[in-house]
Amino acid sequence: MKPSSLQSTLPNIPWEDRSAGNANVVWRYSHNPIIPRDLIPSSNSIFNSAVVPFNGTFAGVFRCDDKQRNMNVHRGFSQDGINWKLDDNPIEWIYDNSDCAYSQYKYDPRVCWIEDRYYIMWCNGFHGPTIGIGYTFDFEQFHFLENALLPFNRNGVPFPRKINDKYVMFSRPSDNGHTPFGDIYLSMSPDMVHWGEHRYVMGTKGGWQSTKVGAGPVPIETPEGWLLFYHGVLTSCNGFVYSFGAALLDLDKPWKVIYRGASYLLSPQTYYECVGDVPNVAFPCATLYDQPTGRIAIYYGGADTVTGLAFCKVDEVMEFLKHNSEV
């Protein structure tokens, strides 16, 4: 029998029903942003962060840019997935190898339970942006494992289980700045340290995803394939615009795209998405999923400043993909 992450039961998932007259597949929480930029004394902004179920409640790793504009990751906890308490100080990592301890910055984390621990991936400043990997068993101690790839790379996103007995992650090769290009790739590993067997997944298309694309939250396993929410970027006369959409990938060969939504599911249109340190950004980094009800809660960064929450149902996203696909 193949291992599976299908049975994802989360009866206490944060949720708000779609408002009357709203026909969107993905809809915003009416009290967004759920995390303001100044939730903790040290923060200039809190966004592009990762959330997971933890001991009947919720925990997460959060991108916090401080008032010197240093980029780092902090620990946080919540009883309901909406109201959060974050540590004012960044996570202190345990390094088994001191050669890996150098880091200019840490940002845009993803967190995923795999087998017996929570793995964390983030963009790590190791002589340029690459993908740092660490883990925790209890959100008390955090262990640094390795930098997965050489610079320059971003958007490291793990799969929630092994595929063909190998760990799998997405990444997006990039450059050392505000990269004006980017396609989604996939890599495999026997041990979360040595990565290879790189595969091309998908690249840019027209309109909202014409400049670059990147994987968003950890993909959700469905009977029909891996559901991936991803961000797409267009270059407007006023700079980049970050929206997000969805695709469905093959279960056994997840570099094979089955469906890919032609239209975005959410684009920056509210004040907190359009106005901030980086205007016009809706950047998804985490989902919570309750398989029995099909409910999905999506955590996303708004304008590189605050954290918002949106909702959808898995069957509606699947129908959207099937009827609006451009592979």
Protein backbone atom coordinates (compact mmCIF):
# COMPACT_ATOMS: atom_id res chain seq x y z
CA MET A 1 0.00 0.00 0.00
CA LYS A 2 1.33 3.43 -0.94
CA PRO A 3 1.95 5.89 1.89
CA SER A 4 -0.58 8.70 1.90
CA SER A 5 -1.27 12.08 3.46
CA LEU A 6 -4.92 11.95 2.35
CA GLN A 7 -6.45 11.51 5.80
CA SER A 8 -6.10 15.05 7.03
CA THR A 9 -8.69 15.60 9.73
CA LEU A 10 -8.77 19.06 11.27
CA PRO A 11 -12.18 19.77 12.82
CA ASN A 12 -10.96 23.01 14.43
CA ILE A 13 -9.72 24.53 11.15
CA PRO A 14 -10.21 28.32 11.13
CA TRP A 15 -13.18 29.03 8.91
CA GLU A 16 -15.65 31.65 7.70
CA ASP A 17 -18.37 30.87 5.17
CA ARG A 18 -18.41 32.69 1.85
CA SER A 19 -20.51 35.83 2.12
CA ALA A 20 -23.79 36.14 0.24
CA GLY A 21 -23.30 37.18 -3.35
CA ASN A 22 -19.61 36.21 -3.42
CA ALA A 23 -19.01 33.82 -6.32
CA ASN A 24 -15.22 33.62 -5.98
CA VAL A 25 -13.61 30.20 -5.54
CA VAL A 26 -11.27 31.70 -2.92
CA TRP A 27 -12.59 34.31 -0.52
CA ARG A 28 -10.91 36.51 2.10
CA TYR A 29 -11.46 36.44 5.85
CA SER A 30 -13.61 39.46 6.70
CA HIS A 31 -11.30 40.52 9.56
CA ASN A 32 -8.04 40.50 7.62
CA PRO A 33 -5.22 41.06 8.23
CA ILE A 34 -5.07 38.50 11.03
CA ILE A 35 -1.47 39.46 11.90
CA PRO A 36 -0.60 43.17 11.80
CA ARG A 37 2.88 44.37 11.02
CA ASP A 38 3.52 45.42 14.64
CA LEU A 39 2.21 42.39 16.56
CA ILE A 40 5.53 42.13 18.43
CA PRO A 41 7.72 45.04 19.60
CA SER A 42 10.65 44.19 17.31
CA SER A 43 8.76 43.87 14.04
CA ASN A 44 8.52 46.19 11.08
CA SER A 45 6.38 43.62 9.26
CA ILE A 46 5.14 40.01 9.58
CA PHE A 47 4.20 38.15 6.40
CA ASN A 48 4.90 35.14 4.12
CA SER A 49 4.70 32.70 7.02
CA ALA A 50 3.93 29.02 7.65
CA VAL A 51 1.31 27.43 9.91
CA VAL A 52 0.66 23.78 10.92
CA PRO A 53 -1.63 21.89 13.31
CA PHE A 54 0.14 21.22 16.61
CA ASN A 55 -1.12 19.34 19.68
CA GLY A 56 -4.76 20.16 18.97
CA THR A 57 -3.97 23.81 18.35
CA PHE A 58 -1.65 25.56 15.87
CA ALA A 59 1.99 26.54 15.62
CA GLY A 60 4.03 28.27 12.99
CA VAL A 61 7.24 29.83 11.77
CA PHE A 62 6.83 33.46 10.80
CA ARG A 63 8.82 35.85 8.68
CA CYS A 64 9.47 38.95 10.76
CA ASP A 65 11.47 41.85 9.35
CA ASP A 66 12.74 43.88 12.31
CA LYS A 67 13.11 47.63 12.69
CA GLN A 68 16.62 47.48 11.30
CA ARG A 69 15.04 45.64 8.34
CA ASN A 70 16.83 42.40 9.09
CA MET A 71 14.88 39.40 7.78
CA ASN A 72 14.43 36.48 10.17
CA VAL A 73 12.02 33.76 11.31
CA HIS A 74 10.18 33.63 14.63
CA ARG A 75 8.11 31.00 16.43
CA GLY A 76 4.39 31.47 17.05
CA PHE A 77 1.37 29.71 18.59
CA SER A 78 -2.40 30.05 18.33
CA GLN A 79 -5.43 28.36 19.84
CA ASP A 80 -7.68 29.05 16.84
CA GLY A 81 -5.36 29.70 13.88
CA ILE A 82 -6.46 33.34 13.77
CA ASN A 83 -5.20 35.03 16.94
CA TRP A 84 -1.44 34.54 17.24
CA LYS A 85 1.25 35.02 19.86
CA LEU A 86 4.76 35.32 18.43
CA ASP A 87 8.13 35.33 20.15
CA ASP A 88 9.76 38.74 19.99
CA ASN A 89 13.16 37.15 19.34
CA PRO A 90 14.06 35.04 16.30
CA ILE A 91 14.40 31.27 16.48
CA GLU A 92 17.79 30.13 17.79
CA TRP A 93 19.03 27.23 15.70
CA ILE A 94 21.15 24.32 16.88
CA TYR A 95 23.97 23.70 14.39
CA ASP A 96 25.73 20.34 14.39
CA ASN A 97 28.17 21.73 11.83
CA SER A 98 29.45 25.23 12.54
CA ASP A 99 30.36 25.68 8.87
CA CYS A 100 26.64 26.00 8.17
CA ALA A 101 25.92 28.59 10.84
CA TYR A 102 26.52 31.62 8.64
CA SER A 103 23.29 33.26 7.48
CA GLN A 104 22.75 36.77 6.19
CA TYR A 105 18.96 36.44 6.39
CA LYS A 106 16.09 34.00 6.69
CA TYR A 107 12.71 34.55 5.08
CA ASP A 108 9.53 33.03 3.58
CA PRO A 109 9.40 29.76 5.59
CA ARG A 110 7.33 26.67 4.88
CA VAL A 111 6.63 24.02 7.52
CA CYS A 112 5.50 20.42 7.04
CA TRP A 113 5.05 17.32 9.20
CA ILE A 114 6.87 14.40 7.56
CA GLU A 115 7.09 11.02 9.28
CA ASP A 116 8.21 11.96 12.79
CA ARG A 117 9.01 15.68 12.83
CA TYR A 118 8.24 19.10 11.46
CA TYR A 119 10.57 20.10 8.64
CA ILE A 120 11.14 23.76 7.91
CA MET A 121 12.37 25.22 4.64
CA TRP A 122 13.15 28.88 4.05
CA CYS A 123 15.18 31.19 1.86
CA ASN A 124 18.56 31.24 3.62
CA GLY A 125 21.23 33.85 2.95
CA PHE A 126 24.31 31.65 2.54
CA HIS A 127 26.49 33.75 0.25
CA GLY A 128 23.36 34.44 -1.72
CA PRO A 129 19.82 33.08 -1.46
CA THR A 130 19.47 29.32 -1.16
CA ILE A 131 17.11 26.92 0.61
CA GLY A 132 17.82 26.21 4.26
CA ILE A 133 16.37 23.08 5.84
CA GLY A 134 15.82 22.47 9.54
CA TYR A 135 13.48 20.55 11.80
CA THR A 136 11.81 20.51 15.17
CA PHE A 137 9.98 17.85 17.14
CA ASP A 138 8.26 20.18 19.60
CA PHE A 139 8.63 23.84 18.51
CA GLU A 140 10.98 24.25 21.46
CA GLN A 141 14.30 23.22 19.92
CA PHE A 142 15.10 23.88 16.27
CA HIS A 143 17.87 21.99 14.49
CA PHE A 144 19.56 23.19 11.31
CA LEU A 145 20.11 20.37 8.84
CA GLU A 146 21.73 21.73 5.66
CA ASN A 147 21.46 24.16 2.79
CA ALA A 148 19.76 22.06 0.14
CA LEU A 149 21.14 23.65 -3.00
CA LEU A 150 23.77 26.09 -4.18
CA PRO A 151 22.77 29.72 -4.52
CA PHE A 152 20.79 31.09 -6.16
CA ASN A 153 17.44 29.54 -5.32
CA ARG A 154 14.21 30.37 -3.50
CA ASN A 155 10.74 29.05 -2.70
CA GLY A 156 11.74 25.70 -1.22
CA VAL A 157 8.52 23.79 -0.54
CA PRO A 158 8.46 20.19 0.78
CA PHE A 159 5.93 17.49 -0.06
CA PRO A 160 4.15 16.01 2.99
CA ARG A 161 5.35 12.46 2.33
CA LYS A 162 7.94 10.52 0.39
CA ILE A 163 7.21 9.64 -3.23
CA ASN A 164 8.83 6.44 -4.51
CA ASP A 165 10.80 6.32 -1.23
CA LYS A 166 12.33 9.78 -1.72
CA TYR A 167 11.76 13.16 -0.15
CA VAL A 168 10.58 15.74 -2.66
CA MET A 169 10.65 19.52 -2.75
CA PHE A 170 9.88 22.37 -5.12
CA SER A 171 12.30 25.20 -5.74
CA ARG A 172 12.74 28.15 -8.08
CA PRO A 173 16.24 28.88 -9.41
CA SER A 174 16.80 32.62 -9.33
CA ASP A 175 19.49 35.28 -9.08
CA ASN A 176 20.83 37.42 -6.24
CA GLY A 177 18.28 40.22 -6.52
CA HIS A 178 14.63 40.89 -7.31
CA THR A 179 14.62 38.13 -9.90
CA PRO A 180 12.78 39.08 -13.13
CA PHE A 181 12.38 35.42 -14.13
CA GLY A 182 11.56 32.08 -12.52
CA ASP A 183 10.12 28.63 -13.20
CA ILE A 184 9.13 25.88 -10.77
CA TYR A 185 11.43 22.85 -10.49
CA LEU A 186 11.35 19.72 -8.37
CA SER A 187 14.19 17.84 -6.67
CA MET A 188 14.41 14.53 -4.80
CA SER A 189 16.49 13.28 -1.90
CA PRO A 190 17.07 10.04 0.03
CA ASP A 191 17.82 11.86 3.28
CA MET A 192 16.80 15.57 3.16
CA VAL A 193 20.49 16.46 2.70
CA HIS A 194 21.57 15.29 -0.75
CA TRP A 195 19.29 16.60 -3.50
CA GLY A 196 19.21 15.62 -7.16
CA GLU A 197 17.02 14.12 -9.90
CA HIS A 198 15.88 17.65 -10.75
CA ARG A 199 12.74 17.94 -12.85
CA TYR A 200 11.08 20.87 -14.58
CA VAL A 201 7.50 21.36 -13.40
CA MET A 202 6.15 24.50 -15.05
CA GLY A 203 7.07 27.99 -16.17
CA THR A 204 5.52 31.32 -16.94
CA LYS A 205 2.46 31.96 -19.09
CA GLY A 206 0.61 35.10 -20.09
CA GLY A 207 -1.01 37.77 -17.97
CA TRP A 208 -0.91 37.39 -14.20
CA GLN A 209 1.92 34.81 -14.34
CA SER A 210 3.98 36.20 -17.21
CA THR A 211 7.15 37.24 -15.34
CA LYS A 212 7.76 34.37 -12.89
CA VAL A 213 6.02 31.64 -10.91
CA GLY A 214 6.87 29.92 -7.63
CA ALA A 215 5.43 27.19 -5.42
CA GLY A 216 3.38 28.40 -2.48
CA PRO A 217 2.15 26.19 0.39
CA VAL A 218 2.97 22.51 0.89
CA PRO A 219 0.92 20.66 -1.77
CA ILE A 220 -2.29 18.93 -0.69
CA GLU A 221 -2.76 15.29 -1.62
CA THR A 222 -6.10 14.45 -3.24
CA PRO A 223 -7.23 11.19 -4.92
CA GLU A 224 -6.77 12.89 -8.31
CA GLY A 225 -3.35 14.42 -7.74
CA TRP A 226 -1.32 16.95 -5.77
CA LEU A 227 -3.12 20.28 -5.41
CA LEU A 228 -0.59 23.08 -5.58
CA PHE A 229 -1.32 26.72 -4.86
CA TYR A 230 1.39 28.87 -6.45
CA HIS A 231 2.14 32.52 -6.97
CA GLY A 232 2.46 34.19 -10.32
CA VAL A 233 3.95 37.58 -11.09
CA LEU A 234 3.33 40.08 -13.85
CA THR A 235 5.40 43.19 -14.49
CA SER A 236 3.19 46.26 -14.65
CA CYS A 237 4.18 49.85 -15.41
CA ASN A 238 4.40 50.26 -11.62
CA GLY A 239 6.41 47.11 -10.82
CA PHE A 240 5.68 43.49 -9.92
CA VAL A 241 2.15 42.28 -9.10
CA TYR A 242 1.92 38.97 -7.14
CA SER A 243 -1.29 36.92 -7.40
CA PHE A 244 -1.92 33.26 -6.75
CA GLY A 245 -3.58 30.40 -8.57
CA ALA A 246 -3.61 26.60 -8.54
CA ALA A 247 -2.50 23.52 -10.45
CA LEU A 248 -2.98 19.76 -10.11
CA LEU A 249 0.05 17.48 -10.41
CA ASP A 250 0.41 13.73 -10.92
CA LEU A 251 0.61 11.73 -7.67
CA ASP A 252 3.52 9.50 -8.69
CA LYS A 253 5.30 11.92 -11.06
CA PRO A 254 4.54 15.32 -9.55
CA TRP A 255 6.52 17.14 -12.23
CA LYS A 256 3.67 16.22 -14.59
CA VAL A 257 0.98 18.94 -14.68
CA ILE A 258 -2.57 17.61 -15.12
CA TYR A 259 -4.51 20.89 -14.81
CA ARG A 260 -3.40 24.49 -14.42
CA GLY A 261 -5.82 27.35 -13.83
CA ALA A 262 -5.72 29.99 -16.53
CA SER A 263 -7.06 32.67 -14.17
CA TYR A 264 -5.77 33.61 -10.76
CA LEU A 265 -7.72 32.67 -7.65
CA LEU A 266 -6.78 35.76 -5.65
CA SER A 267 -4.98 38.93 -6.65
CA PRO A 268 -4.01 42.04 -4.65
CA GLN A 269 -7.17 44.14 -4.54
CA THR A 270 -7.69 45.16 -0.91
CA TYR A 271 -5.90 47.96 0.90
CA TYR A 272 -3.66 45.61 2.93
CA GLU A 273 -2.62 43.77 -0.25
CA CYS A 274 -2.04 46.88 -2.33
CA VAL A 275 -0.47 49.23 0.22
CA GLY A 276 2.63 48.33 2.24
CA ASP A 277 6.38 47.94 2.04
CA VAL A 278 6.02 46.14 -1.31
CA PRO A 279 2.70 47.11 -2.94
CA ASN A 280 0.46 44.71 -4.86
CA VAL A 281 1.42 41.37 -3.30
CA ALA A 282 -0.73 38.36 -2.32
CA PHE A 283 1.81 35.61 -1.53
CA PRO A 284 0.57 32.23 -0.19
CA CYS A 285 2.87 30.22 2.10
CA ALA A 286 0.68 27.81 4.07
CA THR A 287 -2.61 25.92 4.06
CA LEU A 288 -4.63 24.03 6.63
CA TYR A 289 -6.86 21.27 5.25
CA ASP A 290 -9.76 19.32 6.75
CA GLN A 291 -10.32 16.37 4.43
CA PRO A 292 -13.80 15.31 5.73
CA THR A 293 -15.33 18.74 4.98
CA GLY A 294 -13.00 19.74 2.14
CA ARG A 295 -12.26 23.04 3.84
CA ILE A 296 -8.95 24.77 3.13
CA ALA A 297 -7.58 27.83 4.95
CA ILE A 298 -4.83 29.69 3.08
CA TYR A 299 -2.31 31.93 4.87
CA TYR A 300 -0.78 34.59 2.68
CA GLY A 301 1.35 37.70 2.91
CA GLY A 302 -0.17 41.06 2.00
CA ALA A 303 2.07 43.73 0.45
CA ASP A 304 5.11 42.20 2.21
CA THR A 305 3.76 43.76 5.39
CA VAL A 306 0.94 41.78 7.04
CA THR A 307 -0.54 38.26 7.09
CA GLY A 308 -3.99 37.51 5.69
CA LEU A 309 -6.26 34.48 5.65
CA ALA A 310 -8.45 33.17 2.83
CA PHE A 311 -10.73 30.17 2.42
CA CYS A 312 -11.86 27.71 -0.22
CA LYS A 313 -13.21 24.16 -0.64
CA VAL A 314 -11.18 21.48 -2.32
CA ASP A 315 -13.99 20.27 -4.61
CA GLU A 316 -14.64 23.82 -5.86
CA VAL A 317 -10.96 24.37 -6.59
CA MET A 318 -10.86 21.07 -8.46
CA GLU A 319 -13.90 22.02 -10.53
CA PHE A 320 -12.33 25.39 -11.29
CA LEU A 321 -9.15 23.68 -12.51
CA LYS A 322 -11.01 21.19 -14.68
CA HIS A 323 -13.08 23.88 -16.40
CA ASN A 324 -10.45 26.62 -16.61
CA SER A 325 -7.24 24.74 -17.36
CA GLU A 326 -4.43 25.82 -19.67
CA VAL A 327 -1.54 23.40 -19.25
